[in-house]
């Protein structure tokens, strides 16, 4: 059915919600079928290169945004550059794209503007929008172990049976462009990925759930 929709028009509006490898995989294929893509990105990532940049420089997490930008890029050389990880020295392990987004955020004072500028450099097919521009962490509360804060820790945590409580701290403000993208979409895709580490942080932003319910 979706194949028929895409064969009739390249202007089908698609909102893709998630982050990390799941969104990267979906977006890499989807960009060949429609020009109207909005990638709505989880903003609670705190592992690896992203975690170091957040801790050391106080910036918003660039990692999942970078992956979505790279997935939608129409310039192969820039895709490779943004995914390149430096080797050795104090920058060992950092993806160039993470550093580029961090530098743009510091230069402009606006992470949203940094994403827009990076989108132009990468010549992307579509738009990438953070679900929030607030500086948030993912939290998990379970009856046995209390609270665990941090997406990376939660994604690799074994917790008690039952349904844990997930929350974002502090309570973020939703990016209005993310809500608009959901309202305008013909198709909404929830990317594959770790529920507690990748998907929940995007869906927990106040307003996202309500927008999805109304879209249904």
Foldseek 3Di string as FASTA:
>chain_A
DVVVVLVVDQAAAEEEEKFDPQLLVVLLPNLVRHLHYEYAFQFAAQDFQQVVCCVPPVATRCHRLLSNLLSQFPDVVVSCQQQDQDPDDPRGRHGPVRVQLSVLCVVVVFSVVSSVVSSVVRVGRYYYHYQFRDRKWKWKADDPPGIDIHLVDVLPDDDDPDDIDMAIPPQTATDVVSLVSLQPHPYYHYTDDRVSRMRCSSCRRPPNVVSNVVSD
